[in-house]
Amino acid sequence: GCCGMAGSFGYEKEHADLSKKIAG
């Protein structure tokens, strides 16, 4: 599935934890 980054989404402070959770 998705790596969680989604362009710049995972770099945005408010989304970083969610991005890592998706990757995990």
PDB file of all heavy atoms in Angstrom:
ATOM      1  N   GLY A   1       0.825  -1.199   0.000  1.00  0.00           N
ATOM      2  CA  GLY A   1       0.000   0.000   0.000  1.00  0.00           C
ATOM      3  C   GLY A   1       0.863   1.255   0.000  1.00  0.00           C
ATOM      4  O   GLY A   1       2.018   1.232  -0.403  1.00  0.00           O
ATOM      5  N   CYS A   2       0.319   2.328   0.501  1.00  0.00           N
ATOM      6  CA  CYS A   2       1.013   3.617   0.510  1.00  0.00           C
ATOM      7  C   CYS A   2       2.164   3.605   1.499  1.00  0.00           C
ATOM      8  O   CYS A   2       2.068   3.036   2.588  1.00  0.00           O
ATOM      9  CB  CYS A   2       0.023   4.724   0.873  1.00  0.00           C
ATOM     10  SG  CYS A   2       0.753   6.385   0.827  1.00  0.00           S
ATOM     11  N   CYS A   3       3.249   4.273   1.126  1.00  0.00           N
ATOM     12  CA  CYS A   3       4.412   4.397   2.023  1.00  0.00           C
ATOM     13  C   CYS A   3       4.159   5.424   3.118  1.00  0.00           C
ATOM     14  O   CYS A   3       4.888   5.477   4.102  1.00  0.00           O
ATOM     15  CB  CYS A   3       5.658   4.773   1.233  1.00  0.00           C
ATOM     16  SG  CYS A   3       5.666   6.489   0.639  1.00  0.00           S
ATOM     17  N   GLY A   4       3.155   6.264   2.931  1.00  0.00           N
ATOM     18  CA  GLY A   4       2.825   7.272   3.931  1.00  0.00           C
ATOM     19  C   GLY A   4       3.375   8.656   3.640  1.00  0.00           C
ATOM     20  O   GLY A   4       2.969   9.632   4.266  1.00  0.00           O
ATOM     21  N   MET A   5       4.282   8.772   2.688  1.00  0.00           N
ATOM     22  CA  MET A   5       4.884  10.079   2.413  1.00  0.00           C
ATOM     23  C   MET A   5       3.947  10.969   1.602  1.00  0.00           C
ATOM     24  O   MET A   5       3.769  12.131   1.923  1.00  0.00           O
ATOM     25  CB  MET A   5       6.223   9.921   1.691  1.00  0.00           C
ATOM     26  CG  MET A   5       6.937  11.232   1.456  1.00  0.00           C
ATOM     27  SD  MET A   5       7.263  12.219   2.925  1.00  0.00           S
ATOM     28  CE  MET A   5       8.585  11.309   3.674  1.00  0.00           C
ATOM     29  N   ALA A   6       3.366  10.440   0.544  1.00  0.00           N
ATOM     30  CA  ALA A   6       2.403  11.175  -0.281  1.00  0.00           C
ATOM     31  C   ALA A   6       2.887  12.571  -0.641  1.00  0.00           C
ATOM     32  O   ALA A   6       2.331  13.576  -0.208  1.00  0.00           O
ATOM     33  CB  ALA A   6       1.044  11.228   0.413  1.00  0.00           C
ATOM     34  N   GLY A   7       3.920  12.619  -1.459  1.00  0.00           N
ATOM     35  CA  GLY A   7       4.490  13.909  -1.845  1.00  0.00           C
ATOM     36  C   GLY A   7       5.166  14.552  -0.657  1.00  0.00           C
ATOM     37  O   GLY A   7       6.055  13.982  -0.053  1.00  0.00           O
ATOM     38  N   SER A   8       4.718  15.731  -0.266  1.00  0.00           N
ATOM     39  CA  SER A   8       5.315  16.425   0.883  1.00  0.00           C
ATOM     40  C   SER A   8       4.535  16.182   2.179  1.00  0.00           C
ATOM     41  O   SER A   8       4.932  16.653   3.241  1.00  0.00           O
ATOM     42  CB  SER A   8       5.386  17.927   0.605  1.00  0.00           C
ATOM     43  OG  SER A   8       4.092  18.460   0.456  1.00  0.00           O
ATOM     44  N   PHE A   9       3.458  15.429   2.110  1.00  0.00           N
ATOM     45  CA  PHE A   9       2.585  15.182   3.259  1.00  0.00           C
ATOM     46  C   PHE A   9       3.385  14.751   4.491  1.00  0.00           C
ATOM     47  O   PHE A   9       3.223  15.302   5.581  1.00  0.00           O
ATOM     48  CB  PHE A   9       1.547  14.117   2.887  1.00  0.00           C
ATOM     49  CG  PHE A   9       0.643  13.708   4.017  1.00  0.00           C
ATOM     50  CD1 PHE A   9      -0.494  14.438   4.299  1.00  0.00           C
ATOM     51  CD2 PHE A   9       0.921  12.578   4.780  1.00  0.00           C
ATOM     52  CE1 PHE A   9      -1.348  14.052   5.332  1.00  0.00           C
ATOM     53  CE2 PHE A   9       0.080  12.189   5.814  1.00  0.00           C
ATOM     54  CZ  PHE A   9      -1.058  12.934   6.091  1.00  0.00           C
ATOM     55  N   GLY A  10       4.238  13.757   4.330  1.00  0.00           N
ATOM     56  CA  GLY A  10       4.998  13.222   5.459  1.00  0.00           C
ATOM     57  C   GLY A  10       6.038  14.167   6.020  1.00  0.00           C
ATOM     58  O   GLY A  10       6.512  13.981   7.145  1.00  0.00           O
ATOM     59  N   TYR A  11       6.414  15.178   5.241  1.00  0.00           N
ATOM     60  CA  TYR A  11       7.384  16.162   5.732  1.00  0.00           C
ATOM     61  C   TYR A  11       6.719  17.274   6.540  1.00  0.00           C
ATOM     62  O   TYR A  11       7.402  18.013   7.242  1.00  0.00           O
ATOM     63  CB  TYR A  11       8.150  16.787   4.564  1.00  0.00           C
ATOM     64  CG  TYR A  11       9.172  15.853   3.958  1.00  0.00           C
ATOM     65  CD1 TYR A  11       9.063  15.428   2.646  1.00  0.00           C
ATOM     66  CD2 TYR A  11      10.250  15.402   4.709  1.00  0.00           C
ATOM     67  CE1 TYR A  11       9.999  14.575   2.089  1.00  0.00           C
ATOM     68  CE2 TYR A  11      11.185  14.552   4.167  1.00  0.00           C
ATOM     69  CZ  TYR A  11      11.051  14.146   2.861  1.00  0.00           C
ATOM     70  OH  TYR A  11      11.981  13.298   2.322  1.00  0.00           O
ATOM     71  N   GLU A  12       5.429  17.397   6.413  1.00  0.00           N
ATOM     72  CA  GLU A  12       4.719  18.443   7.138  1.00  0.00           C
ATOM     73  C   GLU A  12       4.602  18.035   8.607  1.00  0.00           C
ATOM     74  O   GLU A  12       4.210  16.908   8.926  1.00  0.00           O
ATOM     75  CB  GLU A  12       3.338  18.669   6.515  1.00  0.00           C
ATOM     76  CG  GLU A  12       3.437  19.186   5.084  1.00  0.00           C
ATOM     77  CD  GLU A  12       2.122  19.132   4.332  1.00  0.00           C
ATOM     78  OE1 GLU A  12       1.109  18.693   4.905  1.00  0.00           O
ATOM     79  OE2 GLU A  12       2.122  19.521   3.154  1.00  0.00           O
ATOM     80  N   LYS A  13       4.966  18.945   9.481  1.00  0.00           N
ATOM     81  CA  LYS A  13       5.045  18.655  10.915  1.00  0.00           C
ATOM     82  C   LYS A  13       3.768  18.002  11.446  1.00  0.00           C
ATOM     83  O   LYS A  13       3.813  17.029  12.197  1.00  0.00           O
ATOM     84  CB  LYS A  13       5.354  19.943  11.684  1.00  0.00           C
ATOM     85  CG  LYS A  13       5.575  19.741  13.152  1.00  0.00           C
ATOM     86  CD  LYS A  13       5.946  21.046  13.841  1.00  0.00           C
ATOM     87  CE  LYS A  13       6.140  20.812  15.328  1.00  0.00           C
ATOM     88  NZ  LYS A  13       6.545  22.012  16.021  1.00  0.00           N
ATOM     89  N   GLU A  14       2.633  18.527  11.024  1.00  0.00           N
ATOM     90  CA  GLU A  14       1.362  18.016  11.545  1.00  0.00           C
ATOM     91  C   GLU A  14       1.003  16.624  11.007  1.00  0.00           C
ATOM     92  O   GLU A  14       0.097  15.967  11.524  1.00  0.00           O
ATOM     93  CB  GLU A  14       0.215  18.998  11.284  1.00  0.00           C
ATOM     94  CG  GLU A  14      -0.102  19.237   9.823  1.00  0.00           C
ATOM     95  CD  GLU A  14       0.702  20.363   9.177  1.00  0.00           C
ATOM     96  OE1 GLU A  14       1.759  20.767   9.714  1.00  0.00           O
ATOM     97  OE2 GLU A  14       0.271  20.840   8.118  1.00  0.00           O
ATOM     98  N   HIS A  15       1.727  16.154   9.972  1.00  0.00           N
ATOM     99  CA  HIS A  15       1.427  14.847   9.385  1.00  0.00           C
ATOM    100  C   HIS A  15       2.552  13.828   9.570  1.00  0.00           C
ATOM    101  O   HIS A  15       2.386  12.663   9.188  1.00  0.00           O
ATOM    102  CB  HIS A  15       1.147  14.983   7.887  1.00  0.00           C
ATOM    103  CG  HIS A  15       0.016  15.889   7.578  1.00  0.00           C
ATOM    104  ND1 HIS A  15       0.121  16.939   6.705  1.00  0.00           N
ATOM    105  CD2 HIS A  15      -1.261  15.918   8.047  1.00  0.00           C
ATOM    106  CE1 HIS A  15      -1.031  17.575   6.628  1.00  0.00           C
ATOM    107  NE2 HIS A  15      -1.884  16.979   7.439  1.00  0.00           N
ATOM    108  N   ALA A  16       3.673  14.232  10.103  1.00  0.00           N
ATOM    109  CA  ALA A  16       4.850  13.360  10.173  1.00  0.00           C
ATOM    110  C   ALA A  16       4.574  12.059  10.923  1.00  0.00           C
ATOM    111  O   ALA A  16       4.956  10.978  10.466  1.00  0.00           O
ATOM    112  CB  ALA A  16       6.023  14.107  10.805  1.00  0.00           C
ATOM    113  N   ASP A  17       3.918  12.138  12.059  1.00  0.00           N
ATOM    114  CA  ASP A  17       3.641  10.919  12.833  1.00  0.00           C
ATOM    115  C   ASP A  17       2.697   9.982  12.076  1.00  0.00           C
ATOM    116  O   ASP A  17       2.907   8.761  12.058  1.00  0.00           O
ATOM    117  CB  ASP A  17       3.051  11.267  14.202  1.00  0.00           C
ATOM    118  CG  ASP A  17       4.078  11.887  15.140  1.00  0.00           C
ATOM    119  OD1 ASP A  17       5.300  11.691  14.906  1.00  0.00           O
ATOM    120  OD2 ASP A  17       3.664  12.570  16.100  1.00  0.00           O
ATOM    121  N   LEU A  18       1.673  10.526  11.454  1.00  0.00           N
ATOM    122  CA  LEU A  18       0.747   9.712  10.681  1.00  0.00           C
ATOM    123  C   LEU A  18       1.468   9.056   9.503  1.00  0.00           C
ATOM    124  O   LEU A  18       1.255   7.873   9.199  1.00  0.00           O
ATOM    125  CB  LEU A  18      -0.430  10.550  10.189  1.00  0.00           C
ATOM    126  CG  LEU A  18      -1.455   9.829   9.306  1.00  0.00           C
ATOM    127  CD1 LEU A  18      -2.050   8.619  10.031  1.00  0.00           C
ATOM    128  CD2 LEU A  18      -2.537  10.808   8.863  1.00  0.00           C
ATOM    129  N   SER A  19       2.331   9.814   8.853  1.00  0.00           N
ATOM    130  CA  SER A  19       3.103   9.296   7.728  1.00  0.00           C
ATOM    131  C   SER A  19       3.930   8.079   8.151  1.00  0.00           C
ATOM    132  O   SER A  19       3.944   7.048   7.480  1.00  0.00           O
ATOM    133  CB  SER A  19       4.019  10.400   7.184  1.00  0.00           C
ATOM    134  OG  SER A  19       4.893   9.888   6.211  1.00  0.00           O
ATOM    135  N   LYS A  20       4.611   8.204   9.286  1.00  0.00           N
ATOM    136  CA  LYS A  20       5.427   7.090   9.790  1.00  0.00           C
ATOM    137  C   LYS A  20       4.560   5.913  10.206  1.00  0.00           C
ATOM    138  O   LYS A  20       4.930   4.751  10.006  1.00  0.00           O
ATOM    139  CB  LYS A  20       6.276   7.564  10.973  1.00  0.00           C
ATOM    140  CG  LYS A  20       7.368   8.527  10.556  1.00  0.00           C
ATOM    141  CD  LYS A  20       8.088   9.094  11.756  1.00  0.00           C
ATOM    142  CE  LYS A  20       9.054  10.190  11.312  1.00  0.00           C
ATOM    143  NZ  LYS A  20       9.613  10.914  12.433  1.00  0.00           N
ATOM    144  N   LYS A  21       3.391   6.200  10.757  1.00  0.00           N
ATOM    145  CA  LYS A  21       2.470   5.138  11.165  1.00  0.00           C
ATOM    146  C   LYS A  21       1.996   4.345   9.943  1.00  0.00           C
ATOM    147  O   LYS A  21       1.922   3.116   9.981  1.00  0.00           O
ATOM    148  CB  LYS A  21       1.281   5.739  11.912  1.00  0.00           C
ATOM    149  CG  LYS A  21       0.314   4.715  12.455  1.00  0.00           C
ATOM    150  CD  LYS A  21      -0.799   5.387  13.251  1.00  0.00           C
ATOM    151  CE  LYS A  21      -1.753   4.344  13.797  1.00  0.00           C
ATOM    152  NZ  LYS A  21      -2.825   4.946  14.578  1.00  0.00           N
ATOM    153  N   ILE A  22       1.689   5.046   8.862  1.00  0.00           N
ATOM    154  CA  ILE A  22       1.257   4.383   7.627  1.00  0.00           C
ATOM    155  C   ILE A  22       2.382   3.498   7.094  1.00  0.00           C
ATOM    156  O   ILE A  22       2.152   2.337   6.733  1.00  0.00           O
ATOM    157  CB  ILE A  22       0.802   5.421   6.579  1.00  0.00           C
ATOM    158  CG1 ILE A  22      -0.477   6.111   7.049  1.00  0.00           C
ATOM    159  CG2 ILE A  22       0.605   4.767   5.209  1.00  0.00           C
ATOM    160  CD1 ILE A  22      -0.867   7.334   6.238  1.00  0.00           C
ATOM    161  N   ALA A  23       3.594   4.022   7.059  1.00  0.00           N
ATOM    162  CA  ALA A  23       4.742   3.227   6.592  1.00  0.00           C
ATOM    163  C   ALA A  23       4.948   2.005   7.475  1.00  0.00           C
ATOM    164  O   ALA A  23       5.329   0.930   7.002  1.00  0.00           O
ATOM    165  CB  ALA A  23       5.995   4.084   6.568  1.00  0.00           C
ATOM    166  N   GLY A  24       4.691   2.157   8.757  1.00  0.00           N
ATOM    167  CA  GLY A  24       4.901   1.079   9.712  1.00  0.00           C
ATOM    168  C   GLY A  24       3.859  -0.020   9.672  1.00  0.00           C
ATOM    169  O   GLY A  24       4.056  -1.092  10.261  1.00  0.00           O
TER     170      GLY A  24
END
